[in-house]
C-alpha atoms as a PDB file:
ATOM      1  CA  MET A   1     -14.926 -17.721   9.455  1.00  0.00           C
ATOM      2  CA  VAL A   2     -17.955 -15.219   9.155  1.00  0.00           C
ATOM      3  CA  GLN A   3     -20.969 -16.281  11.070  1.00  0.00           C
ATOM      4  CA  ASN A   4     -23.355 -14.624   9.027  1.00  0.00           C
ATOM      5  CA  MET A   5     -23.519 -12.069   6.145  1.00  0.00           C
ATOM      6  CA  SER A   6     -25.609  -9.228   7.470  1.00  0.00           C
ATOM      7  CA  MET A   7     -24.084  -8.946  10.846  1.00  0.00           C
ATOM      8  CA  SER A   8     -20.744 -10.487  11.020  1.00  0.00           C
ATOM      9  CA  THR A   9     -17.410 -10.482  12.671  1.00  0.00           C
ATOM     10  CA  VAL A  10     -14.144 -11.649  11.193  1.00  0.00           C
ATOM     11  CA  ALA A  11     -11.311 -12.322  13.522  1.00  0.00           C
ATOM     12  CA  ILE A  12      -7.855 -12.202  12.245  1.00  0.00           C
ATOM     13  CA  SER A  13      -5.745 -12.856  15.318  1.00  0.00           C
ATOM     14  CA  GLN A  14      -5.854  -9.565  17.257  1.00  0.00           C
ATOM     15  CA  CYS A  15      -7.544  -7.587  14.621  1.00  0.00           C
ATOM     16  CA  SER A  16     -11.554  -7.894  14.347  1.00  0.00           C
ATOM     17  CA  VAL A  17     -13.801  -6.439  11.601  1.00  0.00           C
ATOM     18  CA  PHE A  18     -17.325  -5.533  12.551  1.00  0.00           C
ATOM     19  CA  CYS A  19     -19.982  -5.049   9.936  1.00  0.00           C
ATOM     20  CA  GLY A  20     -23.905  -4.346  10.588  1.00  0.00           C
ATOM     21  CA  PRO A  21     -26.507  -1.914   9.908  1.00  0.00           C
ATOM     22  CA  ASN A  22     -27.030  -0.814  13.540  1.00  0.00           C
ATOM     23  CA  ASN A  23     -23.343  -0.693  14.725  1.00  0.00           C
ATOM     24  CA  GLU A  24     -22.225   2.406  16.373  1.00  0.00           C
ATOM     25  CA  TRP A  25     -18.719   3.873  15.962  1.00  0.00           C
ATOM     26  CA  ARG A  26     -17.104   6.179  18.689  1.00  0.00           C
ATOM     27  CA  ASN A  27     -13.846   7.907  18.554  1.00  0.00           C
ATOM     28  CA  SER A  28     -11.369   6.857  21.219  1.00  0.00           C
ATOM     29  CA  GLY A  29      -7.689   7.847  21.098  1.00  0.00           C
ATOM     30  CA  GLN A  30      -5.721   7.318  17.942  1.00  0.00           C
ATOM     31  CA  MET A  31      -7.629   6.053  15.121  1.00  0.00           C
ATOM     32  CA  LYS A  32      -7.292   5.982  11.366  1.00  0.00           C
ATOM     33  CA  GLU A  33     -10.876   6.022   9.529  1.00  0.00           C
ATOM     34  CA  ILE A  34     -11.692   5.297   6.041  1.00  0.00           C
ATOM     35  CA  HIS A  35     -15.110   5.633   4.664  1.00  0.00           C
ATOM     36  CA  ILE A  36     -15.797   3.450   1.835  1.00  0.00           C
ATOM     37  CA  VAL A  37     -19.245   4.321   0.190  1.00  0.00           C
ATOM     38  CA  PHE A  38     -21.240   1.925  -2.153  1.00  0.00           C
ATOM     39  CA  GLY A  39     -24.071   4.247  -3.104  1.00  0.00           C
ATOM     40  CA  VAL A  40     -25.998   4.787   0.270  1.00  0.00           C
ATOM     41  CA  GLN A  41     -23.858   2.256   1.949  1.00  0.00           C
ATOM     42  CA  ARG A  42     -20.918   3.421   4.134  1.00  0.00           C
ATOM     43  CA  LEU A  43     -18.370   1.137   5.572  1.00  0.00           C
ATOM     44  CA  TYR A  44     -15.748   2.565   7.995  1.00  0.00           C
ATOM     45  CA  LEU A  45     -12.358   0.889   8.096  1.00  0.00           C
ATOM     46  CA  CYS A  46     -10.458   2.023  11.186  1.00  0.00           C
ATOM     47  CA  SER A  47      -7.552   1.275  13.279  1.00  0.00           C
ATOM     48  CA  HIS A  48      -8.335   1.758  16.942  1.00  0.00           C
ATOM     49  CA  GLY A  49      -5.806   1.542  19.877  1.00  0.00           C
ATOM     50  CA  ARG A  50      -3.559  -1.351  19.596  1.00  0.00           C
ATOM     51  CA  LYS A  51      -5.504  -4.173  18.771  1.00  0.00           C
ATOM     52  CA  THR A  52      -8.564  -3.775  16.459  1.00  0.00           C
ATOM     53  CA  LEU A  53      -9.392  -2.873  13.098  1.00  0.00           C
ATOM     54  CA  SER A  54     -13.179  -2.332  12.444  1.00  0.00           C
ATOM     55  CA  PHE A  55     -15.561  -1.640   9.408  1.00  0.00           C
ATOM     56  CA  VAL A  56     -18.767   0.107  10.817  1.00  0.00           C
ATOM     57  CA  GLY A  57     -21.897   0.794   8.990  1.00  0.00           C
ATOM     58  CA  GLN A  58     -24.308  -1.063   6.739  1.00  0.00           C
ATOM     59  CA  SER A  59     -23.468  -4.341   5.134  1.00  0.00           C
ATOM     60  CA  ASP A  60     -26.013  -4.735   2.559  1.00  0.00           C
ATOM     61  CA  VAL A  61     -23.923  -5.450  -0.498  1.00  0.00           C
ATOM     62  CA  SER A  62     -27.119  -5.414  -2.788  1.00  0.00           C
ATOM     63  CA  GLN A  63     -27.001  -1.602  -3.188  1.00  0.00           C
ATOM     64  CA  PRO A  64     -25.688  -0.454  -6.437  1.00  0.00           C
ATOM     65  CA  GLY A  65     -23.220   2.475  -6.490  1.00  0.00           C
ATOM     66  CA  ASN A  66     -19.569   3.586  -7.238  1.00  0.00           C
ATOM     67  CA  VAL A  67     -16.998   3.317  -4.319  1.00  0.00           C
ATOM     68  CA  ARG A  68     -15.703   6.537  -2.943  1.00  0.00           C
ATOM     69  CA  VAL A  69     -12.788   6.723  -0.274  1.00  0.00           C
ATOM     70  CA  GLU A  70     -12.516   9.357   2.257  1.00  0.00           C
ATOM     71  CA  ALA A  71      -9.585   9.229   4.712  1.00  0.00           C
ATOM     72  CA  GLY A  72      -8.147  11.222   7.439  1.00  0.00           C
ATOM     73  CA  TRP A  73      -6.354  11.079  10.611  1.00  0.00           C
ATOM     74  CA  LEU A  74      -8.816  11.300  13.775  1.00  0.00           C
ATOM     75  CA  PHE A  75      -5.698  11.471  16.129  1.00  0.00           C
ATOM     76  CA  ARG A  76      -4.514  15.258  15.500  1.00  0.00           C
ATOM     77  CA  GLY A  77      -1.342  15.325  17.774  1.00  0.00           C
ATOM     78  CA  GLY A  78       1.786  16.585  16.227  1.00  0.00           C
ATOM     79  CA  ASP A  79       0.457  16.555  12.569  1.00  0.00           C
ATOM     80  CA  LYS A  80       2.984  19.166  11.416  1.00  0.00           C
ATOM     81  CA  GLY A  81       6.213  17.805  12.126  1.00  0.00           C
ATOM     82  CA  SER A  82       9.693  19.044  11.909  1.00  0.00           C
ATOM     83  CA  GLU A  83      13.168  18.164  11.443  1.00  0.00           C
ATOM     84  CA  SER A  84      13.479  16.750  14.920  1.00  0.00           C
ATOM     85  CA  ASP A  85       9.956  15.046  14.977  1.00  0.00           C
ATOM     86  CA  ALA A  86       9.430  11.569  13.687  1.00  0.00           C
ATOM     87  CA  SER A  87       5.738  12.598  12.696  1.00  0.00           C
ATOM     88  CA  CYS A  88       7.067  14.649   9.693  1.00  0.00           C
ATOM     89  CA  GLU A  89       7.450  11.200   7.885  1.00  0.00           C
ATOM     90  CA  ARG A  90       3.963  10.158   8.858  1.00  0.00           C
ATOM     91  CA  SER A  91       1.891   9.197   5.833  1.00  0.00           C
ATOM     92  CA  GLU A  92      -1.841   9.089   5.605  1.00  0.00           C
ATOM     93  CA  SER A  93      -1.595   7.870   1.981  1.00  0.00           C
ATOM     94  CA  ALA A  94       0.505   4.903   3.160  1.00  0.00           C
ATOM     95  CA  ASN A  95      -1.885   4.288   5.966  1.00  0.00           C
ATOM     96  CA  GLU A  96      -4.796   4.421   3.723  1.00  0.00           C
ATOM     97  CA  ASP A  97      -3.112   1.967   1.244  1.00  0.00           C
ATOM     98  CA  ILE A  98      -2.590  -0.687   3.934  1.00  0.00           C
ATOM     99  CA  LEU A  99      -6.233  -0.496   5.194  1.00  0.00           C
ATOM    100  CA  MET A 100      -7.534  -0.643   1.641  1.00  0.00           C
ATOM    101  CA  PHE A 101      -5.555  -3.787   1.383  1.00  0.00           C
ATOM    102  CA  PHE A 102      -6.967  -5.213   4.377  1.00  0.00           C
ATOM    103  CA  PHE A 103     -10.440  -4.511   3.074  1.00  0.00           C
ATOM    104  CA  GLN A 104      -9.563  -6.327  -0.200  1.00  0.00           C
ATOM    105  CA  LEU A 105      -8.566  -9.282   2.042  1.00  0.00           C
ATOM    106  CA  ASP A 106     -11.658  -9.282   3.935  1.00  0.00           C
ATOM    107  CA  LEU A 107     -13.967  -9.224   1.000  1.00  0.00           C
ATOM    108  CA  ALA A 108     -12.149 -12.057  -0.727  1.00  0.00           C
ATOM    109  CA  THR A 109     -12.613 -14.022   2.657  1.00  0.00           C
ATOM    110  CA  ARG A 110     -16.266 -13.179   2.694  1.00  0.00           C
ATOM    111  CA  VAL A 111     -16.697 -14.192  -0.950  1.00  0.00           C
ATOM    112  CA  GLN A 112     -15.005 -17.580  -0.300  1.00  0.00           C
ATOM    113  CA  TYR A 113     -17.064 -18.073   2.824  1.00  0.00           C
ATOM    114  CA  ALA A 114     -20.341 -17.466   0.703  1.00  0.00           C
ATOM    115  CA  LEU A 115     -19.062 -20.154  -1.719  1.00  0.00           C
ATOM    116  CA  ASN A 116     -18.259 -22.690   0.883  1.00  0.00           C
ATOM    117  CA  VAL A 117     -21.958 -22.430   2.369  1.00  0.00           C
ATOM    118  CA  GLU A 118     -23.506 -22.263  -1.205  1.00  0.00           C
ATOM    119  CA  GLN A 119     -24.915 -18.778  -0.940  1.00  0.00           C
ATOM    120  CA  TYR A 120     -23.976 -18.116  -4.555  1.00  0.00           C
ATOM    121  CA  GLU A 121     -25.984 -14.803  -5.031  1.00  0.00           C
ATOM    122  CA  ILE A 122     -24.351 -13.374  -2.069  1.00  0.00           C
ATOM    123  CA  ALA A 123     -21.009 -14.441  -3.204  1.00  0.00           C
ATOM    124  CA  GLN A 124     -21.601 -12.776  -6.652  1.00  0.00           C
ATOM    125  CA  GLU A 125     -22.697  -9.626  -4.963  1.00  0.00           C
ATOM    126  CA  LEU A 126     -19.555  -9.726  -2.886  1.00  0.00           C
ATOM    127  CA  ARG A 127     -17.477 -10.467  -6.042  1.00  0.00           C
ATOM    128  CA  ASN A 128     -18.947  -7.255  -7.665  1.00  0.00           C
ATOM    129  CA  LYS A 129     -17.956  -5.302  -4.631  1.00  0.00           C
ATOM    130  CA  LEU A 130     -14.679  -6.639  -4.586  1.00  0.00           C
ATOM    131  CA  THR A 131     -14.215  -5.550  -8.126  1.00  0.00           C
ATOM    132  CA  GLU A 132     -15.295  -2.071  -7.534  1.00  0.00           C
ATOM    133  CA  VAL A 133     -12.786  -1.923  -4.507  1.00  0.00           C
ATOM    134  CA  GLU A 134     -10.038  -3.254  -6.804  1.00  0.00           C
ATOM    135  CA  SER A 135     -10.873  -0.465  -9.296  1.00  0.00           C
ATOM    136  CA  GLU A 136     -10.618   2.176  -6.625  1.00  0.00           C
ATOM    137  CA  VAL A 137      -7.338   0.833  -5.285  1.00  0.00           C
ATOM    138  CA  ILE A 138      -5.844   1.190  -8.733  1.00  0.00           C
ATOM    139  CA  LYS A 139      -7.082   4.814  -9.281  1.00  0.00           C
ATOM    140  CA  LEU A 140      -5.599   5.396  -5.711  1.00  0.00           C
ATOM    141  CA  GLN A 141      -2.260   4.077  -6.753  1.00  0.00           C
ATOM    142  CA  GLU A 142      -2.287   6.042  -9.895  1.00  0.00           C
ATOM    143  CA  ASN A 143      -3.192   9.091  -8.205  1.00  0.00           C
ATOM    144  CA  ARG A 144      -0.279   8.634  -5.705  1.00  0.00           C
ATOM    145  CA  ARG A 145       2.217   7.181  -8.112  1.00  0.00           C
ATOM    146  CA  GLY A 146       1.263   8.158 -11.560  1.00  0.00           C
ATOM    147  CA  SER A 147       0.563   5.959 -14.481  1.00  0.00           C
ATOM    148  CA  ALA A 148       2.681   2.569 -14.113  1.00  0.00           C
ATOM    149  CA  SER A 149       5.858   3.047 -16.125  1.00  0.00           C
ATOM    150  CA  LYS A 150       5.178  -0.162 -18.663  1.00  0.00           C
ATOM    151  CA  SER A 151       1.738   0.947 -19.219  1.00  0.00           C
ATOM    152  CA  GLU A 152       2.956   4.595 -19.837  1.00  0.00           C
ATOM    153  CA  VAL A 153       5.436   3.450 -22.290  1.00  0.00           C
ATOM    154  CA  GLN A 154       2.847   1.300 -24.113  1.00  0.00           C
ATOM    155  CA  ASP A 155       0.216   4.018 -24.225  1.00  0.00           C
ATOM    156  CA  ILE A 156       2.724   6.333 -25.825  1.00  0.00           C
ATOM    157  CA  ALA A 157       3.768   3.561 -28.404  1.00  0.00           C
ATOM    158  CA  ILE A 158       0.092   3.232 -29.430  1.00  0.00           C
ATOM    159  CA  SER A 159      -0.429   7.050 -29.794  1.00  0.00           C
ATOM    160  CA  LEU A 160       3.008   7.152 -32.003  1.00  0.00           C
ATOM    161  CA  LEU A 161       1.489   4.568 -34.366  1.00  0.00           C
ATOM    162  CA  ARG A 162      -1.703   6.399 -34.860  1.00  0.00           C
ATOM    163  CA  LEU A 163       0.029   9.800 -35.208  1.00  0.00           C
ATOM    164  CA  ARG A 164       2.344   8.263 -37.873  1.00  0.00           C
ATOM    165  CA  ALA A 165      -0.529   6.842 -39.624  1.00  0.00           C
ATOM    166  CA  ASP A 166      -2.285  10.273 -39.680  1.00  0.00           C
ATOM    167  CA  LEU A 167       0.967  12.062 -40.832  1.00  0.00           C
ATOM    168  CA  GLN A 168       1.312   9.592 -43.813  1.00  0.00           C
ATOM    169  CA  ASN A 169      -2.442  10.400 -44.701  1.00  0.00           C
ATOM    170  CA  ALA A 170      -1.916  14.273 -44.320  1.00  0.00           C
ATOM    171  CA  ILE A 171       1.203  14.036 -46.658  1.00  0.00           C
ATOM    172  CA  GLN A 172      -0.885  11.917 -49.238  1.00  0.00           C
ATOM    173  CA  SER A 173      -3.602  14.431 -49.235  1.00  0.00           C
ATOM    174  CA  GLU A 174      -1.073  17.260 -49.512  1.00  0.00           C
ATOM    175  CA  ASN A 175      -2.412  18.728 -46.157  1.00  0.00           C
ATOM    176  CA  TYR A 176       1.066  20.050 -45.261  1.00  0.00           C
ATOM    177  CA  ASN A 177       0.067  22.370 -42.340  1.00  0.00           C
ATOM    178  CA  LEU A 178      -1.429  19.334 -40.543  1.00  0.00           C
ATOM    179  CA  ALA A 179       1.749  17.241 -41.601  1.00  0.00           C
ATOM    180  CA  ALA A 180       3.750  19.902 -39.680  1.00  0.00           C
ATOM    181  CA  GLU A 181       1.599  19.950 -36.700  1.00  0.00           C
ATOM    182  CA  LEU A 182       1.565  16.001 -36.576  1.00  0.00           C
ATOM    183  CA  ARG A 183       5.390  15.986 -37.032  1.00  0.00           C
ATOM    184  CA  ASP A 184       5.881  18.260 -33.876  1.00  0.00           C
ATOM    185  CA  GLU A 185       3.454  16.132 -31.911  1.00  0.00           C
ATOM    186  CA  ILE A 186       5.409  12.956 -32.913  1.00  0.00           C
ATOM    187  CA  SER A 187       8.595  14.539 -31.973  1.00  0.00           C
ATOM    188  CA  LYS A 188       7.159  15.441 -28.556  1.00  0.00           C
ATOM    189  CA  LEU A 189       6.050  11.974 -28.050  1.00  0.00           C
ATOM    190  CA  GLU A 190       9.224  10.328 -28.901  1.00  0.00           C
ATOM    191  CA  ALA A 191      11.039  12.198 -26.281  1.00  0.00           C
ATOM    192  CA  GLU A 192       8.506  11.279 -23.680  1.00  0.00           C
ATOM    193  CA  SER A 193       8.806   7.632 -24.814  1.00  0.00           C
ATOM    194  CA  LEU A 194      12.462   7.856 -24.224  1.00  0.00           C
ATOM    195  CA  ALA A 195      11.990   9.460 -20.699  1.00  0.00           C
ATOM    196  CA  ALA A 196       9.399   6.898 -19.869  1.00  0.00           C
ATOM    197  CA  SER A 197      11.454   3.869 -21.075  1.00  0.00           C
ATOM    198  CA  VAL A 198      14.365   5.016 -18.951  1.00  0.00           C
ATOM    199  CA  LYS A 199      11.967   5.525 -16.016  1.00  0.00           C
ATOM    200  CA  ALA A 200      10.523   1.882 -16.616  1.00  0.00           C
ATOM    201  CA  GLN A 201      13.990   0.178 -16.690  1.00  0.00           C
ATOM    202  CA  ALA A 202      15.054   2.078 -13.538  1.00  0.00           C
ATOM    203  CA  TYR A 203      11.915   0.788 -11.794  1.00  0.00           C
ATOM    204  CA  GLU A 204      12.529  -2.616 -12.828  1.00  0.00           C
ATOM    205  CA  ASN A 205      16.013  -2.762 -11.922  1.00  0.00           C
ATOM    206  CA  VAL A 206      15.598  -1.118  -8.433  1.00  0.00           C
ATOM    207  CA  GLN A 207      17.739  -2.801  -5.868  1.00  0.00           C
ATOM    208  CA  TYR A 208      16.118  -2.733  -2.327  1.00  0.00           C
ATOM    209  CA  THR A 209      18.221  -2.947   0.712  1.00  0.00           C
ATOM    210  CA  PHE A 210      15.460  -4.081   3.043  1.00  0.00           C
ATOM    211  CA  ARG A 211      12.638  -6.669   2.420  1.00  0.00           C
ATOM    212  CA  LEU A 212       9.010  -7.104   3.433  1.00  0.00           C
ATOM    213  CA  GLY A 213       8.656  -8.085   7.375  1.00  0.00           C
ATOM    214  CA  GLN A 214      12.217  -7.103   8.047  1.00  0.00           C
ATOM    215  CA  LYS A 215      12.862  -5.171  11.338  1.00  0.00           C
ATOM    216  CA  VAL A 216      14.454  -1.913  11.060  1.00  0.00           C
ATOM    217  CA  LYS A 217      15.503   0.991  13.207  1.00  0.00           C
ATOM    218  CA  HIS A 218      15.474   4.670  12.014  1.00  0.00           C
ATOM    219  CA  LYS A 219      18.816   6.377  12.074  1.00  0.00           C
ATOM    220  CA  ILE A 220      17.451   9.744  13.069  1.00  0.00           C
ATOM    221  CA  PHE A 221      14.367   9.061  15.477  1.00  0.00           C
ATOM    222  CA  GLY A 222      15.453   5.709  16.814  1.00  0.00           C
ATOM    223  CA  TYR A 223      12.342   4.099  16.806  1.00  0.00           C
ATOM    224  CA  HIS A 224      12.044   0.462  15.630  1.00  0.00           C
ATOM    225  CA  ALA A 225       9.677  -0.471  12.759  1.00  0.00           C
ATOM    226  CA  VAL A 226       8.706  -3.269  10.339  1.00  0.00           C
ATOM    227  CA  ILE A 227       8.685  -2.894   6.694  1.00  0.00           C
ATOM    228  CA  CYS A 228       5.334  -3.544   4.988  1.00  0.00           C
ATOM    229  CA  GLY A 229       5.579  -1.829   1.678  1.00  0.00           C
ATOM    230  CA  MET A 230       8.058  -0.334  -0.795  1.00  0.00           C
ATOM    231  CA  ASP A 231       8.404   2.021  -3.686  1.00  0.00           C
ATOM    232  CA  PRO A 232      11.191   2.577  -6.058  1.00  0.00           C
ATOM    233  CA  VAL A 233      11.274   6.177  -5.412  1.00  0.00           C
ATOM    234  CA  CYS A 234       9.313   8.675  -3.319  1.00  0.00           C
ATOM    235  CA  PHE A 235       5.616   8.575  -4.427  1.00  0.00           C
ATOM    236  CA  GLU A 236       4.356  11.169  -2.023  1.00  0.00           C
ATOM    237  CA  SER A 237       3.100  14.538  -2.747  1.00  0.00           C
ATOM    238  CA  LYS A 238       4.993  17.757  -3.033  1.00  0.00           C
ATOM    239  CA  SER A 239       3.733  19.127   0.167  1.00  0.00           C
ATOM    240  CA  TRP A 240       4.589  15.930   2.056  1.00  0.00           C
ATOM    241  CA  MET A 241       8.207  16.021   0.719  1.00  0.00           C
ATOM    242  CA  GLU A 242       8.576  19.436   2.038  1.00  0.00           C
ATOM    243  CA  THR A 243       7.208  18.742   5.301  1.00  0.00           C
ATOM    244  CA  ALA A 244       9.596  15.636   5.575  1.00  0.00           C
ATOM    245  CA  ASN A 245      12.508  17.861   4.235  1.00  0.00           C
ATOM    246  CA  ILE A 246      13.218  15.421   1.402  1.00  0.00           C
ATOM    247  CA  GLU A 247      15.405  17.975  -0.392  1.00  0.00           C
ATOM    248  CA  LYS A 248      17.778  17.891   2.407  1.00  0.00           C
ATOM    249  CA  LEU A 249      18.502  13.980   1.957  1.00  0.00           C
ATOM    250  CA  ALA A 250      21.786  12.911   0.474  1.00  0.00           C
ATOM    251  CA  ARG A 251      19.972  10.821  -2.129  1.00  0.00           C
ATOM    252  CA  GLY A 252      16.892  12.999  -2.452  1.00  0.00           C
ATOM    253  CA  PRO A 253      13.385  11.644  -3.474  1.00  0.00           C
ATOM    254  CA  ASP A 254      15.041   9.207  -6.099  1.00  0.00           C
ATOM    255  CA  GLN A 255      15.810   6.325  -3.842  1.00  0.00           C
ATOM    256  CA  PRO A 256      13.620   3.542  -2.422  1.00  0.00           C
ATOM    257  CA  PHE A 257      11.193   4.458   0.078  1.00  0.00           C
ATOM    258  CA  TYR A 258       9.574   2.216   2.541  1.00  0.00           C
ATOM    259  CA  GLN A 259       6.061   2.007   4.152  1.00  0.00           C
ATOM    260  CA  VAL A 260       6.915   0.962   7.941  1.00  0.00           C
ATOM    261  CA  LEU A 261       4.944  -0.017  10.895  1.00  0.00           C
ATOM    262  CA  VAL A 262       6.212   1.723  13.888  1.00  0.00           C
ATOM    263  CA  ASN A 263       6.646  -0.125  17.056  1.00  0.00           C
ATOM    264  CA  VAL A 264       3.933   1.353  19.350  1.00  0.00           C
ATOM    265  CA  HIS A 265       6.337   1.101  22.311  1.00  0.00           C
ATOM    266  CA  ASP A 266       8.589   3.353  20.885  1.00  0.00           C
ATOM    267  CA  ASP A 267       6.093   6.084  19.373  1.00  0.00           C
ATOM    268  CA  PRO A 268       2.297   5.138  19.881  1.00  0.00           C
ATOM    269  CA  ASN A 269       1.243   8.190  17.846  1.00  0.00           C
ATOM    270  CA  LEU A 270       3.143   7.626  14.620  1.00  0.00           C
ATOM    271  CA  LEU A 271       1.443   4.310  13.467  1.00  0.00           C
ATOM    272  CA  VAL A 272       2.689   4.223   9.714  1.00  0.00           C
ATOM    273  CA  ALA A 273       5.771   6.212   8.312  1.00  0.00           C
ATOM    274  CA  TYR A 274       7.054   6.497   4.789  1.00  0.00           C
ATOM    275  CA  VAL A 275      10.836   6.476   5.190  1.00  0.00           C
ATOM    276  CA  PRO A 276      13.635   6.909   2.667  1.00  0.00           C
ATOM    277  CA  GLU A 277      16.165   4.113   2.418  1.00  0.00           C
ATOM    278  CA  GLU A 278      19.055   6.028   3.805  1.00  0.00           C
ATOM    279  CA  ASN A 279      17.336   6.902   6.906  1.00  0.00           C
ATOM    280  CA  LEU A 280      16.876   3.139   7.909  1.00  0.00           C
ATOM    281  CA  LEU A 281      19.400   0.735   9.262  1.00  0.00           C
ATOM    282  CA  THR A 282      19.360  -2.945  10.282  1.00  0.00           C
ATOM    283  CA  PRO A 283      19.137  -3.166  14.239  1.00  0.00           C
ATOM    284  CA  ASP A 284      21.354  -5.392  16.292  1.00  0.00           C
ATOM    285  CA  GLN A 285      20.275  -9.004  16.946  1.00  0.00           C
ATOM    286  CA  GLN A 286      19.182  -8.145  20.368  1.00  0.00           C
ATOM    287  CA  ASP A 287      16.664  -5.413  19.036  1.00  0.00           C
ATOM    288  CA  THR A 288      15.047  -7.985  16.520  1.00  0.00           C
ATOM    289  CA  GLN A 289      14.126 -10.149  19.523  1.00  0.00           C
ATOM    290  CA  ASP A 290      12.559  -7.139  21.391  1.00  0.00           C
ATOM    291  CA  ARG A 291       8.713  -7.288  21.683  1.00  0.00           C
ATOM    292  CA  PHE A 292       7.022  -5.516  18.516  1.00  0.00           C
ATOM    293  CA  ASP A 293       3.451  -4.433  18.869  1.00  0.00           C
ATOM    294  CA  HIS A 294       1.395  -2.913  15.992  1.00  0.00           C
ATOM    295  CA  PRO A 295      -2.371  -3.369  15.263  1.00  0.00           C
ATOM    296  CA  TYR A 296      -1.709  -4.146  11.601  1.00  0.00           C
ATOM    297  CA  VAL A 297       0.787  -6.854  12.277  1.00  0.00           C
ATOM    298  CA  SER A 298      -1.552  -9.749  12.690  1.00  0.00           C
ATOM    299  CA  PHE A 299      -3.264  -9.292   9.031  1.00  0.00           C
ATOM    300  CA  LEU A 300      -0.214  -8.658   7.093  1.00  0.00           C
ATOM    301  CA  PHE A 301       2.141 -11.094   8.532  1.00  0.00           C
ATOM    302  CA  TYR A 302       1.905 -14.965   9.424  1.00  0.00           C
ATOM    303  CA  GLY A 303       4.393 -14.636  12.610  1.00  0.00           C
ATOM    304  CA  ALA A 304       8.213 -14.329  13.142  1.00  0.00           C
ATOM    305  CA  ASP A 305      10.954 -16.329  11.686  1.00  0.00           C
ATOM    306  CA  ALA A 306      14.130 -17.665  13.376  1.00  0.00           C
ATOM    307  CA  ALA A 307      16.045 -14.533  12.898  1.00  0.00           C
ATOM    308  CA  GLY A 308      13.127 -12.510  14.669  1.00  0.00           C
ATOM    309  CA  ASP A 309      11.937 -10.749  11.457  1.00  0.00           C
ATOM    310  CA  LEU A 310       8.192 -11.118  10.507  1.00  0.00           C
ATOM    311  CA  ILE A 311       6.946 -13.199   7.583  1.00  0.00           C
ATOM    312  CA  PRO A 312       4.676 -11.518   4.962  1.00  0.00           C
ATOM    313  CA  ILE A 313       1.451 -13.167   3.785  1.00  0.00           C
ATOM    314  CA  LYS A 314       1.518 -14.311   0.244  1.00  0.00           C
ATOM    315  CA  GLN A 315      -0.878 -11.583  -0.909  1.00  0.00           C
ATOM    316  CA  LEU A 316       1.363  -8.801   0.513  1.00  0.00           C
ATOM    317  CA  ARG A 317       4.628 -10.344  -1.495  1.00  0.00           C
ATOM    318  CA  GLU A 318       2.399 -10.530  -4.576  1.00  0.00           C
ATOM    319  CA  LYS A 319       1.364  -6.881  -4.353  1.00  0.00           C
ATOM    320  CA  TYR A 320       5.179  -5.850  -4.227  1.00  0.00           C
ATOM    321  CA  ASN A 321       6.329  -8.743  -6.539  1.00  0.00           C
ATOM    322  CA  GLN A 322       8.737  -9.774  -3.706  1.00  0.00           C
ATOM    323  CA  PRO A 323      10.021 -13.191  -3.615  1.00  0.00           C
ATOM    324  CA  ARG A 324       9.611 -15.290  -0.341  1.00  0.00           C
ATOM    325  CA  HIS A 325      12.636 -14.888   1.930  1.00  0.00           C
ATOM    326  CA  GLU A 326      14.577 -17.920   2.925  1.00  0.00           C
ATOM    327  CA  LEU A 327      16.832 -17.958   6.010  1.00  0.00           C
ATOM    328  CA  PRO A 328      20.369 -19.014   5.261  1.00  0.00           C
ATOM    329  CA  HIS A 329      21.318 -22.538   6.081  1.00  0.00           C
ATOM    330  CA  ASP A 330      23.347 -22.761   9.291  1.00  0.00           C
ATOM    331  CA  PRO A 331      24.980 -26.274   9.764  1.00  0.00           C
ATOM    332  CA  GLN A 332      25.658 -25.317  13.284  1.00  0.00           C
ATOM    333  CA  ASN A 333      22.234 -25.296  14.154  1.00  0.00           C
ATOM    334  CA  GLU A 334      21.693 -28.642  12.922  1.00  0.00           C
ATOM    335  CA  GLU A 335      24.677 -29.866  15.015  1.00  0.00           C
ATOM    336  CA  ASP A 336      23.286 -28.302  17.948  1.00  0.00           C
ATOM    337  CA  GLY A 337      19.904 -30.047  17.325  1.00  0.00           C
ATOM    338  CA  LYS A 338      21.431 -33.255  17.176  1.00  0.00           C
ATOM    339  CA  ASP A 339      23.405 -32.798  20.420  1.00  0.00           C
ATOM    340  CA  ALA A 340      20.172 -31.831  22.097  1.00  0.00           C
END
């Protein structure tokens, strides 16, 4: 798939990735840019126009260094949003999350290619970079979502065990002032543990109305979109929630929120939105068959199923722990096929 490792082009349907030390980048139209820096190395991950994603910059993976990500919208039209403006649900963090996911896919492809052509040293260097990127992705997710509920419960449980052991030692050594402080800490942590357990249970039992790849329509703004990600509750910042008027929703922030790709024919400026479940509905059959275009579709989905919805790639399903969707069996279709 990759022709060479220093100057390469990876084609994924309509989306392309360009890497090379002498590449130039120009801003044209709406673009989302992510700078991924490995020490002195800088890669740019961009969505450009309707068809292209680009990495631009040096592709020398031998340089050591930590990953740093900077992201921002280069298109500035309608950033503030309002109650009657669909841009109020635009999400830079959701867009960044998608592009970082694409970068992971691309690095994994490069690793596999290097192994196939027996370039084992390059494969190892790429693996190391992939590990760095995966660590950065985890940090970004934790910054956006907070600690994962299960991990949080486990960490609190370990802390409680240590504090109880310290309490026992303090009592045995008759250090009652320390014992009193430890009891207070234990009581506080037990309350946090209960809250974290309830939160973890709620996350595990969340029921999503919509699924990955499903075509949807916005109840208020009327644009058509495709589900490409989902969260059990709103994980955006307080400032974003204020701009999007989340407090005015009937179900507030404690409902599933979806990352959606907005059809460029409906709104070419929105690109990616973060939408509460109550603001989405299933379009009628005719709408699902209408043309849908978006620069990210070709690397997140295989294509369309018989119902007109999109089929998510395996890695996307694994990211959100979602099962493969099977269309219901329709005996009438079989009869029609036999007649034909």
